[in-house]
N, C-alpha and C. Protein backbone atom coordinates (compact mmCIF):
# COMPACT_ATOMS: atom_id res chain seq x y z
N MET A 1 67.36 240.85 224.17
CA MET A 1 69.00 240.37 224.10
C MET A 1 69.48 239.20 223.24
N TYR A 2 71.03 240.02 222.56
CA TYR A 2 71.37 238.98 221.48
C TYR A 2 72.87 238.45 221.84
N LYS A 3 72.86 237.19 221.81
CA LYS A 3 73.80 236.12 222.38
C LYS A 3 74.05 235.33 221.47
N GLU A 4 75.50 235.08 220.62
CA GLU A 4 75.60 233.72 220.26
C GLU A 4 75.11 233.22 220.42
N ASN A 5 75.77 232.10 221.53
CA ASN A 5 75.68 230.83 222.25
C ASN A 5 74.44 231.48 223.58
N PRO A 6 73.10 231.86 223.01
CA PRO A 6 72.31 231.90 224.58
C PRO A 6 71.95 230.84 225.16
N LYS A 7 72.15 231.00 226.70
CA LYS A 7 71.50 230.19 227.18
C LYS A 7 70.10 230.60 228.41
N ASP A 8 69.45 230.11 228.26
CA ASP A 8 67.94 229.74 228.22
C ASP A 8 67.97 231.16 229.56
N ARG A 9 68.70 230.15 230.84
CA ARG A 9 68.65 230.40 232.87
C ARG A 9 69.44 232.21 232.19
N ALA A 10 69.82 232.25 231.93
CA ALA A 10 71.08 233.76 231.91
C ALA A 10 70.42 234.37 231.87
N GLN A 11 69.31 234.22 230.41
CA GLN A 11 68.74 235.34 230.03
C GLN A 11 67.55 235.40 230.60
N PHE A 12 66.65 234.64 231.21
CA PHE A 12 65.61 234.83 231.93
C PHE A 12 65.78 235.27 233.33
N ASN A 13 67.57 235.21 233.88
CA ASN A 13 68.06 236.25 234.73
C ASN A 13 68.11 237.62 235.25
N VAL A 14 68.46 237.84 233.67
CA VAL A 14 68.44 238.95 233.40
C VAL A 14 67.61 239.60 233.34
N ALA A 15 65.85 239.45 232.15
CA ALA A 15 64.66 240.10 232.50
C ALA A 15 64.51 239.77 233.79
N ASP A 16 65.08 238.49 234.52
CA ASP A 16 64.10 239.42 235.86
C ASP A 16 64.53 240.17 236.80
N SER A 17 66.54 240.24 236.92
CA SER A 17 67.48 241.33 237.31
C SER A 17 66.52 242.77 236.80
N GLU A 18 66.68 242.66 235.64
CA GLU A 18 66.41 244.43 235.39
C GLU A 18 64.76 244.94 235.01
N GLN A 19 63.59 243.36 235.65
CA GLN A 19 62.42 243.68 236.13
C GLN A 19 61.14 243.65 234.52
N ILE A 20 61.86 242.99 233.32
CA ILE A 20 61.33 242.76 232.05
C ILE A 20 59.86 242.17 232.49
N PRO A 21 58.39 242.76 232.31
CA PRO A 21 57.94 242.30 232.58
C PRO A 21 56.65 240.40 231.51
N TYR A 22 57.69 241.28 230.12
CA TYR A 22 57.32 239.70 229.44
C TYR A 22 58.66 239.26 228.66
N VAL A 23 58.89 238.12 228.33
CA VAL A 23 59.26 237.63 227.33
C VAL A 23 59.57 237.17 226.03
N ALA A 24 60.11 236.96 225.16
CA ALA A 24 59.36 236.61 223.81
C ALA A 24 60.28 235.45 223.75
N ILE A 25 59.36 234.05 223.33
CA ILE A 25 60.30 232.86 223.26
C ILE A 25 60.36 232.73 222.03
N LEU A 26 60.90 232.28 220.94
CA LEU A 26 60.91 232.03 219.98
C LEU A 26 61.99 231.23 218.93
N ALA A 27 61.75 229.78 219.66
CA ALA A 27 62.29 228.87 219.04
C ALA A 27 61.87 227.85 217.44
N PRO A 28 62.50 226.49 217.35
CA PRO A 28 62.59 226.32 215.82
C PRO A 28 60.65 226.01 215.82
N ALA A 29 60.22 225.48 216.88
CA ALA A 29 58.39 225.17 216.79
C ALA A 29 57.99 226.48 216.27
N GLU A 30 58.31 227.53 216.82
CA GLU A 30 57.63 228.66 216.78
C GLU A 30 57.36 229.70 215.46
N VAL A 31 58.62 229.66 215.25
CA VAL A 31 59.33 229.61 213.74
C VAL A 31 58.08 229.38 212.69
N ASN A 32 58.54 228.28 212.90
CA ASN A 32 57.87 227.66 212.19
C ASN A 32 56.11 227.79 211.29
N ALA A 33 55.89 227.84 213.21
CA ALA A 33 54.73 227.93 212.80
C ALA A 33 53.61 229.99 212.72
N GLY A 34 54.84 229.98 212.10
CA GLY A 34 54.71 232.03 212.48
C GLY A 34 54.55 232.68 213.80
N THR A 35 54.56 231.90 214.89
CA THR A 35 54.27 232.40 216.03
C THR A 35 55.87 232.83 217.21
N VAL A 36 55.17 233.94 217.77
CA VAL A 36 55.86 233.83 218.91
C VAL A 36 55.43 234.02 220.42
N ARG A 37 56.50 233.30 221.21
CA ARG A 37 55.80 232.56 222.48
C ARG A 37 55.95 233.51 223.52
N ILE A 38 55.03 234.25 223.63
CA ILE A 38 55.05 235.17 224.83
C ILE A 38 54.15 235.22 226.65
N LYS A 39 55.70 234.83 227.23
CA LYS A 39 55.64 234.36 228.70
C LYS A 39 55.84 235.83 229.83
N LYS A 40 54.76 235.99 230.69
CA LYS A 40 55.15 236.46 231.82
C LYS A 40 56.16 235.97 232.56
N GLN A 41 57.08 237.07 233.12
CA GLN A 41 58.61 236.71 233.65
C GLN A 41 57.63 236.71 235.29
N VAL A 42 57.76 235.77 235.64
CA VAL A 42 57.18 235.85 237.33
C VAL A 42 58.56 235.29 238.23
N GLY A 43 59.50 234.73 237.35
CA GLY A 43 60.57 233.60 237.83
C GLY A 43 60.17 232.30 238.06
N LYS A 44 61.51 231.81 238.58
CA LYS A 44 61.26 230.83 237.85
C LYS A 44 60.38 229.91 238.72
N ASP A 45 60.79 230.00 239.99
CA ASP A 45 59.77 229.41 240.88
C ASP A 45 58.45 229.51 241.00
N ALA A 46 57.93 231.16 240.59
CA ALA A 46 56.62 230.95 240.77
C ALA A 46 56.21 231.23 239.32
N ALA A 47 56.33 230.26 237.53
CA ALA A 47 56.08 230.16 236.66
C ALA A 47 55.37 228.70 236.84
N GLY A 48 55.70 227.49 237.76
CA GLY A 48 55.59 226.72 237.32
C GLY A 48 55.64 226.16 236.40
N GLU A 49 54.03 225.38 235.75
CA GLU A 49 54.61 224.60 234.15
C GLU A 49 53.90 225.74 233.43
N ASP A 50 53.66 226.92 233.48
CA ASP A 50 52.87 228.06 232.46
C ASP A 50 54.18 227.87 231.45
N ARG A 51 53.70 227.93 230.62
CA ARG A 51 54.50 227.89 229.15
C ARG A 51 54.26 229.00 228.42
N GLY A 52 53.90 230.24 228.65
CA GLY A 52 52.75 231.02 228.17
C GLY A 52 52.23 231.21 226.92
N GLU A 53 52.51 232.27 226.25
CA GLU A 53 50.75 231.46 225.28
C GLU A 53 51.87 232.58 223.47
N GLU A 54 51.22 231.28 222.73
CA GLU A 54 51.41 231.46 221.73
C GLU A 54 51.04 232.81 220.99
N VAL A 55 51.36 233.37 220.32
CA VAL A 55 50.90 235.21 219.65
C VAL A 55 51.42 235.16 218.21
N LYS A 56 50.96 235.33 217.52
CA LYS A 56 50.72 235.14 215.58
C LYS A 56 51.70 236.59 215.39
N MET A 57 52.78 235.95 214.90
CA MET A 57 54.31 237.42 215.18
C MET A 57 53.58 238.68 214.05
N THR A 58 52.55 239.00 213.96
CA THR A 58 51.63 240.28 213.19
C THR A 58 51.06 240.76 214.46
N GLU A 59 50.83 239.89 215.07
CA GLU A 59 50.01 240.05 216.16
C GLU A 59 50.95 240.80 218.23
N VAL A 60 51.92 240.75 217.87
CA VAL A 60 53.06 240.50 218.69
C VAL A 60 53.23 241.70 219.59
N VAL A 61 53.13 243.16 218.78
CA VAL A 61 53.08 244.60 219.17
C VAL A 61 51.48 244.85 220.12
N ASP A 62 50.27 244.79 219.60
CA ASP A 62 49.55 244.59 219.60
C ASP A 62 49.17 243.79 221.00
N TYR A 63 49.40 242.97 221.06
CA TYR A 63 49.08 241.55 222.36
C TYR A 63 49.60 242.79 223.46
N LEU A 64 50.93 242.74 223.37
CA LEU A 64 51.49 243.43 224.36
C LEU A 64 51.41 244.93 225.30
N LYS A 65 51.10 245.71 224.21
CA LYS A 65 50.05 246.48 223.98
C LYS A 65 49.39 246.63 225.28
N GLU A 66 48.30 244.97 224.62
CA GLU A 66 47.21 245.51 226.06
C GLU A 66 47.29 245.03 227.17
N LYS A 67 48.54 243.78 227.01
CA LYS A 67 48.93 242.84 228.34
C LYS A 67 49.43 244.47 229.07
N LEU A 68 50.46 245.03 229.11
CA LEU A 68 51.04 246.10 229.53
C LEU A 68 49.80 247.22 229.95
N ARG A 69 48.59 247.61 229.05
CA ARG A 69 48.03 248.59 229.51
C ARG A 69 46.97 248.36 230.65
N ARG A 70 46.88 246.39 230.39
CA ARG A 70 46.17 246.01 231.79
C ARG A 70 46.80 246.19 233.56
N ALA A 71 47.96 246.49 233.62
CA ALA A 71 48.99 245.68 234.67
C ALA A 71 49.11 246.68 235.27
């Protein structure tokens, strides 16, 4: 989902309501490192302190394919 001025909570709520299993977080730190943070979307209460995994941008598709294959 693309928005001009995105609000994190609103985007996570959409992911929850649409039952999207993983979200990609691309913040300045990840951009600088050439990575994307992939987080399993389990709802805000269940996530706790889980910040997801940093994955190289070139490996995101393969990473998600593997995760979805195991689901």
